[in-house]
C-alpha atoms as a PDB file:
ATOM      1  CA  MET A   1     -61.281  46.964  66.277  1.00  0.00           C
ATOM      2  CA  PHE A   2     -59.760  47.215  69.814  1.00  0.00           C
ATOM      3  CA  VAL A   3     -60.633  49.539  72.280  1.00  0.00           C
ATOM      4  CA  VAL A   4     -59.444  50.731  75.577  1.00  0.00           C
ATOM      5  CA  LEU A   5     -61.775  52.693  77.806  1.00  0.00           C
ATOM      6  CA  LEU A   6     -59.170  54.305  80.557  1.00  0.00           C
ATOM      7  CA  ARG A   7     -61.029  56.168  83.878  1.00  0.00           C
ATOM      8  CA  HIS A   8     -59.516  59.585  84.675  1.00  0.00           C
ATOM      9  CA  GLY A   9     -56.758  59.521  87.908  1.00  0.00           C
ATOM     10  CA  ILE A  10     -57.988  60.009  91.459  1.00  0.00           C
ATOM     11  CA  ALA A  11     -59.074  63.840  90.672  1.00  0.00           C
ATOM     12  CA  HIS A  12     -60.169  66.402  93.855  1.00  0.00           C
ATOM     13  CA  PRO A  13     -63.033  65.686  95.120  1.00  0.00           C
ATOM     14  CA  ARG A  14     -66.526  66.918  94.146  1.00  0.00           C
ATOM     15  CA  GLY A  15     -67.700  70.103  95.624  1.00  0.00           C
ATOM     16  CA  THR A  16     -64.196  71.172  96.654  1.00  0.00           C
ATOM     17  CA  LYS A  17     -63.585  72.679  92.851  1.00  0.00           C
ATOM     18  CA  PRO A  18     -66.309  73.227  90.404  1.00  0.00           C
ATOM     19  CA  GLU A  19     -66.724  70.704  88.164  1.00  0.00           C
ATOM     20  CA  GLU A  20     -64.465  72.190  85.365  1.00  0.00           C
ATOM     21  CA  GLU A  21     -61.500  72.991  87.310  1.00  0.00           C
ATOM     22  CA  ARG A  22     -61.356  68.977  89.358  1.00  0.00           C
ATOM     23  CA  ASP A  23     -57.545  68.069  88.458  1.00  0.00           C
ATOM     24  CA  LEU A  24     -55.348  64.939  89.017  1.00  0.00           C
ATOM     25  CA  THR A  25     -54.374  65.410  93.337  1.00  0.00           C
ATOM     26  CA  GLU A  26     -50.521  65.104  93.528  1.00  0.00           C
ATOM     27  CA  ILE A  27     -51.440  60.523  94.309  1.00  0.00           C
ATOM     28  CA  GLY A  28     -53.365  61.062  91.030  1.00  0.00           C
ATOM     29  CA  HIS A  29     -50.305  62.471  88.676  1.00  0.00           C
ATOM     30  CA  LYS A  30     -47.694  59.417  90.301  1.00  0.00           C
ATOM     31  CA  ARG A  31     -50.589  56.721  90.067  1.00  0.00           C
ATOM     32  CA  MET A  32     -51.215  57.500  86.816  1.00  0.00           C
ATOM     33  CA  LYS A  33     -47.870  58.060  85.271  1.00  0.00           C
ATOM     34  CA  GLU A  34     -47.311  54.177  86.497  1.00  0.00           C
ATOM     35  CA  VAL A  35     -51.191  52.837  85.030  1.00  0.00           C
ATOM     36  CA  ALA A  36     -49.677  55.226  81.853  1.00  0.00           C
ATOM     37  CA  ARG A  37     -46.295  52.614  81.817  1.00  0.00           C
ATOM     38  CA  GLY A  38     -48.337  49.916  82.520  1.00  0.00           C
ATOM     39  CA  LEU A  39     -51.375  50.725  79.714  1.00  0.00           C
ATOM     40  CA  ALA A  40     -48.267  50.961  77.104  1.00  0.00           C
ATOM     41  CA  ASN A  41     -46.415  48.041  78.221  1.00  0.00           C
ATOM     42  CA  LEU A  42     -49.907  46.073  77.365  1.00  0.00           C
ATOM     43  CA  PHE A  43     -51.194  47.516  74.314  1.00  0.00           C
ATOM     44  CA  PRO A  44     -48.635  49.473  72.302  1.00  0.00           C
ATOM     45  CA  LYS A  45     -49.898  49.403  68.960  1.00  0.00           C
ATOM     46  CA  ALA A  46     -52.345  51.960  69.810  1.00  0.00           C
ATOM     47  CA  GLY A  47     -53.523  54.008  67.434  1.00  0.00           C
ATOM     48  CA  ALA A  48     -55.078  57.321  68.738  1.00  0.00           C
ATOM     49  CA  LEU A  49     -55.536  59.020  71.679  1.00  0.00           C
ATOM     50  CA  LEU A  50     -59.172  60.635  73.147  1.00  0.00           C
ATOM     51  CA  SER A  51     -59.870  61.987  75.582  1.00  0.00           C
ATOM     52  CA  SER A  52     -62.623  63.996  77.493  1.00  0.00           C
ATOM     53  CA  PRO A  53     -62.004  67.314  77.665  1.00  0.00           C
ATOM     54  CA  LEU A  54     -62.038  68.363  81.893  1.00  0.00           C
ATOM     55  CA  ILE A  55     -58.945  68.946  83.044  1.00  0.00           C
ATOM     56  CA  ARG A  56     -59.021  65.515  84.567  1.00  0.00           C
ATOM     57  CA  CYS A  57     -59.056  63.228  82.263  1.00  0.00           C
ATOM     58  CA  VAL A  58     -56.885  65.486  79.761  1.00  0.00           C
ATOM     59  CA  GLN A  59     -53.823  65.318  82.355  1.00  0.00           C
ATOM     60  CA  THR A  60     -54.091  61.490  82.523  1.00  0.00           C
ATOM     61  CA  ALA A  61     -54.346  61.277  78.453  1.00  0.00           C
ATOM     62  CA  GLU A  62     -50.999  63.246  79.247  1.00  0.00           C
ATOM     63  CA  TRP A  63     -49.895  60.556  81.237  1.00  0.00           C
ATOM     64  CA  VAL A  64     -50.470  58.280  78.430  1.00  0.00           C
ATOM     65  CA  GLU A  65     -48.870  59.920  75.557  1.00  0.00           C
ATOM     66  CA  LYS A  66     -45.473  60.122  77.411  1.00  0.00           C
ATOM     67  CA  ALA A  67     -45.507  56.624  78.442  1.00  0.00           C
ATOM     68  CA  TYR A  68     -46.303  55.881  74.349  1.00  0.00           C
ATOM     69  CA  GLY A  69     -42.960  58.329  73.721  1.00  0.00           C
ATOM     70  CA  GLY A  70     -45.204  60.981  71.345  1.00  0.00           C
ATOM     71  CA  LYS A  71     -46.513  57.849  69.148  1.00  0.00           C
ATOM     72  CA  LEU A  72     -50.511  59.917  70.164  1.00  0.00           C
ATOM     73  CA  HIS A  73     -51.384  62.471  70.426  1.00  0.00           C
ATOM     74  CA  ILE A  74     -54.961  63.635  72.870  1.00  0.00           C
ATOM     75  CA  GLN A  75     -57.527  64.193  70.511  1.00  0.00           C
ATOM     76  CA  LEU A  76     -60.623  66.175  72.653  1.00  0.00           C
ATOM     77  CA  ARG A  77     -63.782  65.062  72.481  1.00  0.00           C
ATOM     78  CA  ASP A  78     -66.469  66.858  73.975  1.00  0.00           C
ATOM     79  CA  GLU A  79     -68.780  63.699  73.681  1.00  0.00           C
ATOM     80  CA  LEU A  80     -66.765  62.092  76.561  1.00  0.00           C
ATOM     81  CA  ARG A  81     -67.787  64.603  78.552  1.00  0.00           C
ATOM     82  CA  PRO A  82     -70.028  62.871  81.926  1.00  0.00           C
ATOM     83  CA  GLU A  83     -73.165  64.473  80.705  1.00  0.00           C
ATOM     84  CA  GLY A  84     -71.671  63.570  76.992  1.00  0.00           C
ATOM     85  CA  ASP A  85     -74.083  61.045  74.528  1.00  0.00           C
ATOM     86  CA  ARG A  86     -73.440  57.688  75.968  1.00  0.00           C
ATOM     87  CA  ALA A  87     -74.869  55.564  72.709  1.00  0.00           C
ATOM     88  CA  ALA A  88     -72.104  58.030  70.910  1.00  0.00           C
ATOM     89  CA  LEU A  89     -69.042  55.629  71.873  1.00  0.00           C
ATOM     90  CA  ARG A  90     -69.458  53.403  68.741  1.00  0.00           C
ATOM     91  CA  LYS A  91     -69.716  56.410  66.262  1.00  0.00           C
ATOM     92  CA  LEU A  92     -67.032  57.872  68.599  1.00  0.00           C
ATOM     93  CA  ILE A  93     -64.412  54.878  67.539  1.00  0.00           C
ATOM     94  CA  ASP A  94     -65.526  54.357  64.410  1.00  0.00           C
ATOM     95  CA  ASP A  95     -64.638  57.857  63.184  1.00  0.00           C
ATOM     96  CA  THR A  96     -61.316  57.436  64.511  1.00  0.00           C
ATOM     97  CA  HIS A  97     -60.150  55.297  61.634  1.00  0.00           C
ATOM     98  CA  LYS A  98     -57.542  53.069  63.835  1.00  0.00           C
ATOM     99  CA  GLN A  99     -57.246  49.535  64.848  1.00  0.00           C
ATOM    100  CA  ARG A 100     -56.503  50.182  68.176  1.00  0.00           C
ATOM    101  CA  VAL A 101     -57.764  52.763  70.443  1.00  0.00           C
ATOM    102  CA  ILE A 102     -57.780  54.548  73.590  1.00  0.00           C
ATOM    103  CA  VAL A 103     -60.657  56.518  75.291  1.00  0.00           C
ATOM    104  CA  ILE A 104     -60.056  58.474  78.609  1.00  0.00           C
ATOM    105  CA  GLY A 105     -63.243  59.110  80.262  1.00  0.00           C
ATOM    106  CA  HIS A 106     -65.426  59.190  83.467  1.00  0.00           C
ATOM    107  CA  GLU A 107     -67.778  56.596  85.526  1.00  0.00           C
ATOM    108  CA  PRO A 108     -70.760  55.895  84.901  1.00  0.00           C
ATOM    109  CA  TRP A 109     -70.137  56.924  81.411  1.00  0.00           C
ATOM    110  CA  LEU A 110     -67.653  54.444  79.999  1.00  0.00           C
ATOM    111  CA  THR A 111     -69.525  51.675  81.919  1.00  0.00           C
ATOM    112  CA  GLU A 112     -73.317  52.741  81.040  1.00  0.00           C
ATOM    113  CA  SER A 113     -72.075  52.623  77.001  1.00  0.00           C
ATOM    114  CA  ILE A 114     -70.518  49.193  76.736  1.00  0.00           C
ATOM    115  CA  GLY A 115     -73.798  48.135  78.631  1.00  0.00           C
ATOM    116  CA  ARG A 116     -72.183  46.459  81.375  1.00  0.00           C
ATOM    117  CA  PRO A 117     -74.340  48.343  84.809  1.00  0.00           C
ATOM    118  CA  GLU A 118     -73.333  45.867  87.003  1.00  0.00           C
ATOM    119  CA  LEU A 119     -69.901  46.828  86.867  1.00  0.00           C
ATOM    120  CA  GLU A 120     -68.037  49.334  88.585  1.00  0.00           C
ATOM    121  CA  LEU A 121     -64.609  51.347  86.984  1.00  0.00           C
ATOM    122  CA  LYS A 122     -62.048  52.512  89.522  1.00  0.00           C
ATOM    123  CA  LYS A 123     -60.180  55.723  88.792  1.00  0.00           C
ATOM    124  CA  GLY A 124     -57.442  54.720  86.414  1.00  0.00           C
ATOM    125  CA  GLY A 125     -58.361  51.215  85.493  1.00  0.00           C
ATOM    126  CA  CYS A 126     -60.146  49.703  82.437  1.00  0.00           C
ATOM    127  CA  TYR A 127     -62.026  48.267  80.230  1.00  0.00           C
ATOM    128  CA  GLY A 128     -61.105  45.671  77.067  1.00  0.00           C
ATOM    129  CA  ILE A 129     -63.414  46.150  74.409  1.00  0.00           C
ATOM    130  CA  ARG A 130     -63.262  44.118  71.140  1.00  0.00           C
ATOM    131  CA  PHE A 131     -65.661  45.710  68.337  1.00  0.00           C
ATOM    132  CA  THR A 132     -67.138  43.419  65.102  1.00  0.00           C
ATOM    133  CA  ALA A 133     -69.903  45.257  62.537  1.00  0.00           C
ATOM    134  CA  ASP A 134     -72.797  44.534  65.014  1.00  0.00           C
ATOM    135  CA  ALA A 135     -71.490  44.368  68.971  1.00  0.00           C
ATOM    136  CA  MET A 136     -69.217  44.932  71.140  1.00  0.00           C
ATOM    137  CA  GLN A 137     -67.715  42.637  73.821  1.00  0.00           C
ATOM    138  CA  LEU A 138     -66.065  43.420  76.673  1.00  0.00           C
ATOM    139  CA  GLU A 139     -62.473  40.560  76.846  1.00  0.00           C
ATOM    140  CA  TRP A 140     -61.463  42.368  79.500  1.00  0.00           C
ATOM    141  CA  MET A 141     -61.435  44.432  82.611  1.00  0.00           C
ATOM    142  CA  ILE A 142     -57.681  45.804  84.751  1.00  0.00           C
ATOM    143  CA  PRO A 143     -57.542  47.476  88.412  1.00  0.00           C
ATOM    144  CA  PRO A 144     -55.738  50.267  88.102  1.00  0.00           C
ATOM    145  CA  ARG A 145     -53.045  48.474  90.462  1.00  0.00           C
ATOM    146  CA  ALA A 146     -52.288  45.341  88.058  1.00  0.00           C
ATOM    147  CA  LEU A 147     -51.389  48.155  85.540  1.00  0.00           C
ATOM    148  CA  ARG A 148     -49.645  49.704  87.851  1.00  0.00           C
ATOM    149  CA  ARG A 149     -47.179  46.855  87.762  1.00  0.00           C
ATOM    150  CA  LEU A 150     -47.108  46.263  84.302  1.00  0.00           C
ATOM    151  CA  ARG A 151     -45.159  49.677  84.650  1.00  0.00           C
ATOM    152  CA  GLY A 152     -42.279  47.862  83.710  1.00  0.00           C
END
């Protein structure tokens, strides 16, 4: 099983809106459209799209859904909220019953979930994680700038 963990795009800063209402900025939308196209080129056989229900993640997921031409449909999951259970990632992935999954969420939840606290994922960046029966292994990390260049 292979999973892409994607951090949401650039959102309005903390304190400018209630946390639940922080949406993507204009530049956040523009860049996520490009990131999503790059992701679709890099990871074309995705079978599931899971997202935190917070608006900035939903908007990010909408760009991914469009980039995949309707082959994926967003599944909102409360486990992906910023305060969600960091140990729940494996169960969440297993419950999708798909071999290739995209998960859209927040930092530091994404990085903590893979047990790599020394890393920091930029907004719009992603990790590629290989899941085996007894472990998960980070195979790659791609910054948003690189994903935007893959958009084709």
